[in-house]
């Protein structure tokens, strides 16, 4: 397993799904920044603000996944 950092990766970074997940996350981050929203990494780890931004980020990722699958959002 190839890892770019010291965290344990649940799958191989050479897997095409890894690249897709990274691209999706990067897109959501860019869209949130363009809208003036913060991302979890903009806050101190384990802070309330990071938790709130993380929940909002996760909802945005889900919206993107549903849009990719053609689900009405």
PDB file of N, CA and C in Angstrom:
ATOM      1  N   UNK A   1       0.847  -1.180   0.000  1.00  0.00           N
ATOM      2  CA  UNK A   1       0.000   0.000   0.000  1.00  0.00           C
ATOM      3  C   UNK A   1       0.888   1.237   0.000  1.00  0.00           C
ATOM      4  N   UNK A   2       0.650   2.109  -0.939  1.00  0.00           N
ATOM      5  CA  UNK A   2       1.402   3.355  -1.068  1.00  0.00           C
ATOM      6  C   UNK A   2       0.663   4.445  -0.310  1.00  0.00           C
ATOM      7  N   UNK A   3       1.334   5.152   0.579  1.00  0.00           N
ATOM      8  CA  UNK A   3       0.689   6.208   1.339  1.00  0.00           C
ATOM      9  C   UNK A   3       1.511   7.479   1.253  1.00  0.00           C
ATOM     10  N   UNK A   4       0.833   8.603   1.044  1.00  0.00           N
ATOM     11  CA  UNK A   4       1.516   9.887   0.925  1.00  0.00           C
ATOM     12  C   UNK A   4       1.708  10.567   2.272  1.00  0.00           C
ATOM     13  N   UNK A   5       1.170  10.015   3.315  1.00  0.00           N
ATOM     14  CA  UNK A   5       1.351  10.578   4.649  1.00  0.00           C
ATOM     15  C   UNK A   5       1.372   9.433   5.649  1.00  0.00           C
ATOM     16  N   UNK A   6       1.413   9.786   6.914  1.00  0.00           N
ATOM     17  CA  UNK A   6       1.554   8.735   7.915  1.00  0.00           C
ATOM     18  C   UNK A   6       0.215   8.166   8.398  1.00  0.00           C
ATOM     19  N   UNK A   7      -0.914   8.589   7.809  1.00  0.00           N
ATOM     20  CA  UNK A   7      -2.206   8.012   8.163  1.00  0.00           C
ATOM     21  C   UNK A   7      -2.394   6.705   7.406  1.00  0.00           C
ATOM     22  N   UNK A   8      -3.141   5.805   7.970  1.00  0.00           N
ATOM     23  CA  UNK A   8      -3.436   4.540   7.317  1.00  0.00           C
ATOM     24  C   UNK A   8      -4.510   4.765   6.266  1.00  0.00           C
ATOM     25  N   UNK A   9      -4.247   4.324   5.049  1.00  0.00           N
ATOM     26  CA  UNK A   9      -5.201   4.482   3.956  1.00  0.00           C
ATOM     27  C   UNK A   9      -6.015   3.193   3.838  1.00  0.00           C
ATOM     28  N   UNK A  10      -7.340   3.308   3.695  1.00  0.00           N
ATOM     29  CA  UNK A  10      -8.175   2.106   3.603  1.00  0.00           C
ATOM     30  C   UNK A  10      -8.047   1.387   2.262  1.00  0.00           C
ATOM     31  N   UNK A  11      -7.418   2.028   1.275  1.00  0.00           N
ATOM     32  CA  UNK A  11      -7.220   1.396  -0.025  1.00  0.00           C
ATOM     33  C   UNK A  11      -5.958   1.958  -0.651  1.00  0.00           C
ATOM     34  N   UNK A  12      -5.511   1.341  -1.691  1.00  0.00           N
ATOM     35  CA  UNK A  12      -4.265   1.699  -2.356  1.00  0.00           C
ATOM     36  C   UNK A  12      -4.403   3.043  -3.067  1.00  0.00           C
ATOM     37  N   UNK A  13      -3.429   3.912  -2.912  1.00  0.00           N
ATOM     38  CA  UNK A  13      -3.468   5.221  -3.559  1.00  0.00           C
ATOM     39  C   UNK A  13      -3.308   5.119  -5.067  1.00  0.00           C
ATOM     40  N   UNK A  14      -2.941   3.957  -5.569  1.00  0.00           N
ATOM     41  CA  UNK A  14      -2.859   3.747  -7.020  1.00  0.00           C
ATOM     42  C   UNK A  14      -4.210   3.338  -7.606  1.00  0.00           C
ATOM     43  N   UNK A  15      -5.188   3.074  -6.754  1.00  0.00           N
ATOM     44  CA  UNK A  15      -6.529   2.690  -7.186  1.00  0.00           C
ATOM     45  C   UNK A  15      -7.189   3.885  -7.874  1.00  0.00           C
ATOM     46  N   UNK A  16      -7.811   3.701  -9.030  1.00  0.00           N
ATOM     47  CA  UNK A  16      -8.483   4.809  -9.719  1.00  0.00           C
ATOM     48  C   UNK A  16      -9.568   5.473  -8.861  1.00  0.00           C
ATOM     49  N   UNK A  17     -10.182   4.723  -7.980  1.00  0.00           N
ATOM     50  CA  UNK A  17     -11.200   5.304  -7.095  1.00  0.00           C
ATOM     51  C   UNK A  17     -10.595   6.342  -6.160  1.00  0.00           C
ATOM     52  N   UNK A  18      -9.329   6.133  -5.781  1.00  0.00           N
ATOM     53  CA  UNK A  18      -8.646   7.099  -4.920  1.00  0.00           C
ATOM     54  C   UNK A  18      -8.518   8.429  -5.653  1.00  0.00           C
ATOM     55  N   UNK A  19      -8.110   8.385  -6.913  1.00  0.00           N
ATOM     56  CA  UNK A  19      -7.962   9.610  -7.708  1.00  0.00           C
ATOM     57  C   UNK A  19      -9.308  10.311  -7.877  1.00  0.00           C
ATOM     58  N   UNK A  20     -10.366   9.543  -8.103  1.00  0.00           N
ATOM     59  CA  UNK A  20     -11.696  10.128  -8.229  1.00  0.00           C
ATOM     60  C   UNK A  20     -12.138  10.791  -6.937  1.00  0.00           C
ATOM     61  N   UNK A  21     -11.884  10.137  -5.817  1.00  0.00           N
ATOM     62  CA  UNK A  21     -12.264  10.698  -4.514  1.00  0.00           C
ATOM     63  C   UNK A  21     -11.497  11.987  -4.234  1.00  0.00           C
ATOM     64  N   UNK A  22     -10.208  11.997  -4.553  1.00  0.00           N
ATOM     65  CA  UNK A  22      -9.403  13.201  -4.359  1.00  0.00           C
ATOM     66  C   UNK A  22      -9.899  14.340  -5.242  1.00  0.00           C
ATOM     67  N   UNK A  23     -10.243  14.041  -6.493  1.00  0.00           N
ATOM     68  CA  UNK A  23     -10.747  15.062  -7.410  1.00  0.00           C
ATOM     69  C   UNK A  23     -12.087  15.615  -6.925  1.00  0.00           C
ATOM     70  N   UNK A  24     -12.949  14.732  -6.440  1.00  0.00           N
ATOM     71  CA  UNK A  24     -14.238  15.176  -5.916  1.00  0.00           C
ATOM     72  C   UNK A  24     -14.037  16.092  -4.712  1.00  0.00           C
ATOM     73  N   UNK A  25     -13.178  15.688  -3.795  1.00  0.00           N
ATOM     74  CA  UNK A  25     -12.909  16.504  -2.608  1.00  0.00           C
ATOM     75  C   UNK A  25     -12.324  17.854  -3.004  1.00  0.00           C
ATOM     76  N   UNK A  26     -11.393  17.867  -3.951  1.00  0.00           N
ATOM     77  CA  UNK A  26     -10.781  19.124  -4.396  1.00  0.00           C
ATOM     78  C   UNK A  26     -11.829  20.037  -5.029  1.00  0.00           C
ATOM     79  N   UNK A  27     -12.762  19.456  -5.771  1.00  0.00           N
ATOM     80  CA  UNK A  27     -13.833  20.243  -6.382  1.00  0.00           C
ATOM     81  C   UNK A  27     -14.731  20.865  -5.317  1.00  0.00           C
ATOM     82  N   UNK A  28     -15.107  20.065  -4.331  1.00  0.00           N
ATOM     83  CA  UNK A  28     -15.966  20.575  -3.256  1.00  0.00           C
ATOM     84  C   UNK A  28     -15.237  21.680  -2.487  1.00  0.00           C
ATOM     85  N   UNK A  29     -13.964  21.490  -2.203  1.00  0.00           N
ATOM     86  CA  UNK A  29     -13.185  22.518  -1.503  1.00  0.00           C
ATOM     87  C   UNK A  29     -13.180  23.819  -2.297  1.00  0.00           C
ATOM     88  N   UNK A  30     -12.919  23.733  -3.606  1.00  0.00           N
ATOM     89  CA  UNK A  30     -12.869  24.933  -4.454  1.00  0.00           C
ATOM     90  C   UNK A  30     -14.225  25.635  -4.520  1.00  0.00           C
ATOM     91  N   UNK A  31     -15.291  24.855  -4.665  1.00  0.00           N
ATOM     92  CA  UNK A  31     -16.633  25.442  -4.724  1.00  0.00           C
ATOM     93  C   UNK A  31     -16.969  26.131  -3.417  1.00  0.00           C
ATOM     94  N   UNK A  32     -16.648  25.483  -2.297  1.00  0.00           N
ATOM     95  CA  UNK A  32     -16.927  26.088  -0.990  1.00  0.00           C
ATOM     96  C   UNK A  32     -16.150  27.391  -0.813  1.00  0.00           C
ATOM     97  N   UNK A  33     -14.885  27.398  -1.219  1.00  0.00           N
ATOM     98  CA  UNK A  33     -14.088  28.633  -1.117  1.00  0.00           C
ATOM     99  C   UNK A  33     -14.693  29.741  -1.976  1.00  0.00           C
ATOM    100  N   UNK A  34     -15.116  29.398  -3.196  1.00  0.00           N
ATOM    101  CA  UNK A  34     -15.715  30.387  -4.097  1.00  0.00           C
ATOM    102  C   UNK A  34     -17.005  30.968  -3.508  1.00  0.00           C
ATOM    103  N   UNK A  35     -17.701  30.175  -2.728  1.00  0.00           N
ATOM    104  CA  UNK A  35     -18.943  30.624  -2.093  1.00  0.00           C
ATOM    105  C   UNK A  35     -18.698  31.328  -0.764  1.00  0.00           C
ATOM    106  N   UNK A  36     -17.455  31.413  -0.350  1.00  0.00           N
ATOM    107  CA  UNK A  36     -17.135  32.060   0.918  1.00  0.00           C
ATOM    108  C   UNK A  36     -17.349  31.175   2.134  1.00  0.00           C
ATOM    109  N   UNK A  37     -17.489  29.866   1.911  1.00  0.00           N
ATOM    110  CA  UNK A  37     -17.660  28.930   3.021  1.00  0.00           C
ATOM    111  C   UNK A  37     -16.298  28.390   3.439  1.00  0.00           C
ATOM    112  N   UNK A  38     -16.198  28.014   4.691  1.00  0.00           N
ATOM    113  CA  UNK A  38     -14.943  27.434   5.168  1.00  0.00           C
ATOM    114  C   UNK A  38     -14.957  25.928   4.995  1.00  0.00           C
ATOM    115  N   UNK A  39     -13.771  25.356   5.002  1.00  0.00           N
ATOM    116  CA  UNK A  39     -13.580  23.915   4.935  1.00  0.00           C
ATOM    117  C   UNK A  39     -13.038  23.441   6.278  1.00  0.00           C
ATOM    118  N   UNK A  40     -13.182  22.161   6.589  1.00  0.00           N
ATOM    119  CA  UNK A  40     -12.696  21.663   7.881  1.00  0.00           C
ATOM    120  C   UNK A  40     -11.228  21.993   8.135  1.00  0.00           C
ATOM    121  N   UNK A  41     -10.411  21.955   7.097  1.00  0.00           N
ATOM    122  CA  UNK A  41      -8.975  22.216   7.274  1.00  0.00           C
ATOM    123  C   UNK A  41      -8.669  23.683   7.562  1.00  0.00           C
ATOM    124  N   UNK A  42      -9.657  24.559   7.449  1.00  0.00           N
ATOM    125  CA  UNK A  42      -9.464  25.979   7.760  1.00  0.00           C
ATOM    126  C   UNK A  42      -9.507  26.244   9.264  1.00  0.00           C
ATOM    127  N   UNK A  43      -9.859  25.239  10.046  1.00  0.00           N
ATOM    128  CA  UNK A  43     -10.055  25.395  11.487  1.00  0.00           C
ATOM    129  C   UNK A  43      -9.095  24.515  12.272  1.00  0.00           C
ATOM    130  N   UNK A  44      -8.965  24.823  13.545  1.00  0.00           N
ATOM    131  CA  UNK A  44      -8.157  23.989  14.437  1.00  0.00           C
ATOM    132  C   UNK A  44      -8.794  22.602  14.536  1.00  0.00           C
ATOM    133  N   UNK A  45      -7.977  21.556  14.472  1.00  0.00           N
ATOM    134  CA  UNK A  45      -8.536  20.201  14.602  1.00  0.00           C
ATOM    135  C   UNK A  45      -9.310  20.049  15.915  1.00  0.00           C
ATOM    136  N   UNK A  46     -10.382  19.324  15.873  1.00  0.00           N
ATOM    137  CA  UNK A  46     -11.218  19.017  17.042  1.00  0.00           C
ATOM    138  C   UNK A  46     -11.958  20.222  17.611  1.00  0.00           C
ATOM    139  N   UNK A  47     -11.961  21.343  16.875  1.00  0.00           N
ATOM    140  CA  UNK A  47     -12.706  22.511  17.362  1.00  0.00           C
ATOM    141  C   UNK A  47     -14.165  22.397  16.905  1.00  0.00           C
ATOM    142  N   UNK A  48     -15.026  23.158  17.560  1.00  0.00           N
ATOM    143  CA  UNK A  48     -16.437  23.168  17.177  1.00  0.00           C
ATOM    144  C   UNK A  48     -16.593  23.663  15.742  1.00  0.00           C
ATOM    145  N   UNK A  49     -15.817  24.656  15.359  1.00  0.00           N
ATOM    146  CA  UNK A  49     -15.899  25.200  14.000  1.00  0.00           C
ATOM    147  C   UNK A  49     -15.490  24.153  12.968  1.00  0.00           C
ATOM    148  N   UNK A  50     -14.477  23.362  13.270  1.00  0.00           N
ATOM    149  CA  UNK A  50     -14.050  22.302  12.349  1.00  0.00           C
ATOM    150  C   UNK A  50     -15.136  21.243  12.227  1.00  0.00           C
ATOM    151  N   UNK A  51     -15.786  20.920  13.330  1.00  0.00           N
ATOM    152  CA  UNK A  51     -16.871  19.938  13.312  1.00  0.00           C
ATOM    153  C   UNK A  51     -18.034  20.428  12.454  1.00  0.00           C
ATOM    154  N   UNK A  52     -18.418  21.685  12.639  1.00  0.00           N
ATOM    155  CA  UNK A  52     -19.524  22.262  11.868  1.00  0.00           C
ATOM    156  C   UNK A  52     -19.168  22.322  10.381  1.00  0.00           C
ATOM    157  N   UNK A  53     -17.952  22.765  10.077  1.00  0.00           N
ATOM    158  CA  UNK A  53     -17.513  22.813   8.675  1.00  0.00           C
ATOM    159  C   UNK A  53     -17.444  21.407   8.091  1.00  0.00           C
ATOM    160  N   UNK A  54     -17.043  20.436   8.896  1.00  0.00           N
ATOM    161  CA  UNK A  54     -16.972  19.048   8.436  1.00  0.00           C
ATOM    162  C   UNK A  54     -18.336  18.489   8.087  1.00  0.00           C
ATOM    163  N   UNK A  55     -19.331  18.792   8.904  1.00  0.00           N
ATOM    164  CA  UNK A  55     -20.692  18.336   8.608  1.00  0.00           C
ATOM    165  C   UNK A  55     -21.201  18.961   7.317  1.00  0.00           C
ATOM    166  N   UNK A  56     -20.956  20.248   7.161  1.00  0.00           N
ATOM    167  CA  UNK A  56     -21.391  20.951   5.956  1.00  0.00           C
ATOM    168  C   UNK A  56     -20.650  20.425   4.727  1.00  0.00           C
ATOM    169  N   UNK A  57     -19.346  20.163   4.882  1.00  0.00           N
ATOM    170  CA  UNK A  57     -18.539  19.610   3.795  1.00  0.00           C
ATOM    171  C   UNK A  57     -19.078  18.240   3.380  1.00  0.00           C
ATOM    172  N   UNK A  58     -19.403  17.408   4.354  1.00  0.00           N
ATOM    173  CA  UNK A  58     -19.933  16.075   4.064  1.00  0.00           C
ATOM    174  C   UNK A  58     -21.265  16.164   3.316  1.00  0.00           C
ATOM    175  N   UNK A  59     -22.125  17.112   3.700  1.00  0.00           N
ATOM    176  CA  UNK A  59     -23.387  17.298   2.979  1.00  0.00           C
ATOM    177  C   UNK A  59     -23.122  17.711   1.532  1.00  0.00           C
ATOM    178  N   UNK A  60     -22.137  18.592   1.326  1.00  0.00           N
ATOM    179  CA  UNK A  60     -21.801  19.018  -0.034  1.00  0.00           C
ATOM    180  C   UNK A  60     -21.256  17.860  -0.861  1.00  0.00           C
ATOM    181  N   UNK A  61     -20.457  17.002  -0.255  1.00  0.00           N
ATOM    182  CA  UNK A  61     -19.950  15.824  -0.967  1.00  0.00           C
ATOM    183  C   UNK A  61     -21.117  14.923  -1.358  1.00  0.00           C
ATOM    184  N   UNK A  62     -22.047  14.716  -0.450  1.00  0.00           N
ATOM    185  CA  UNK A  62     -23.209  13.878  -0.756  1.00  0.00           C
ATOM    186  C   UNK A  62     -24.028  14.483  -1.891  1.00  0.00           C
ATOM    187  N   UNK A  63     -24.203  15.804  -1.887  1.00  0.00           N
ATOM    188  CA  UNK A  63     -24.934  16.452  -2.978  1.00  0.00           C
ATOM    189  C   UNK A  63     -24.237  16.212  -4.315  1.00  0.00           C
ATOM    190  N   UNK A  64     -22.915  16.322  -4.319  1.00  0.00           N
ATOM    191  CA  UNK A  64     -22.157  16.089  -5.550  1.00  0.00           C
ATOM    192  C   UNK A  64     -22.314  14.641  -6.014  1.00  0.00           C
ATOM    193  N   UNK A  65     -22.228  13.690  -5.095  1.00  0.00           N
ATOM    194  CA  UNK A  65     -22.382  12.284  -5.460  1.00  0.00           C
ATOM    195  C   UNK A  65     -23.769  12.003  -6.014  1.00  0.00           C
ATOM    196  N   UNK A  66     -24.782  12.606  -5.406  1.00  0.00           N
ATOM    197  CA  UNK A  66     -26.144  12.414  -5.902  1.00  0.00           C
ATOM    198  C   UNK A  66     -26.301  13.031  -7.281  1.00  0.00           C
ATOM    199  N   UNK A  67     -25.685  14.178  -7.512  1.00  0.00           N
ATOM    200  CA  UNK A  67     -25.769  14.838  -8.817  1.00  0.00           C
ATOM    201  C   UNK A  67     -25.072  13.986  -9.890  1.00  0.00           C
ATOM    202  N   UNK A  68     -23.947  13.389  -9.526  1.00  0.00           N
ATOM    203  CA  UNK A  68     -23.225  12.522 -10.468  1.00  0.00           C
ATOM    204  C   UNK A  68     -24.089  11.334 -10.857  1.00  0.00           C
ATOM    205  N   UNK A  69     -24.833  10.797  -9.884  1.00  0.00           N
ATOM    206  CA  UNK A  69     -25.703   9.644 -10.136  1.00  0.00           C
ATOM    207  C   UNK A  69     -27.049  10.038 -10.742  1.00  0.00           C
ATOM    208  N   UNK A  70     -27.272  11.329 -10.930  1.00  0.00           N
ATOM    209  CA  UNK A  70     -28.518  11.784 -11.540  1.00  0.00           C
ATOM    210  C   UNK A  70     -29.693  11.844 -10.606  1.00  0.00           C
ATOM    211  N   UNK A  71     -29.442  11.876  -9.297  1.00  0.00           N
ATOM    212  CA  UNK A  71     -30.509  11.962  -8.300  1.00  0.00           C
ATOM    213  C   UNK A  71     -30.914  13.414  -8.173  1.00  0.00           C
ATOM    214  N   UNK A  72     -32.208  13.682  -8.134  1.00  0.00           N
ATOM    215  CA  UNK A  72     -32.700  15.036  -7.938  1.00  0.00           C
ATOM    216  C   UNK A  72     -32.244  15.570  -6.584  1.00  0.00           C
ATOM    217  N   UNK A  73     -31.687  16.772  -6.584  1.00  0.00           N
ATOM    218  CA  UNK A  73     -31.253  17.386  -5.324  1.00  0.00           C
ATOM    219  C   UNK A  73     -31.913  18.718  -5.117  1.00  0.00           C
TER     220      UNK A  73
END
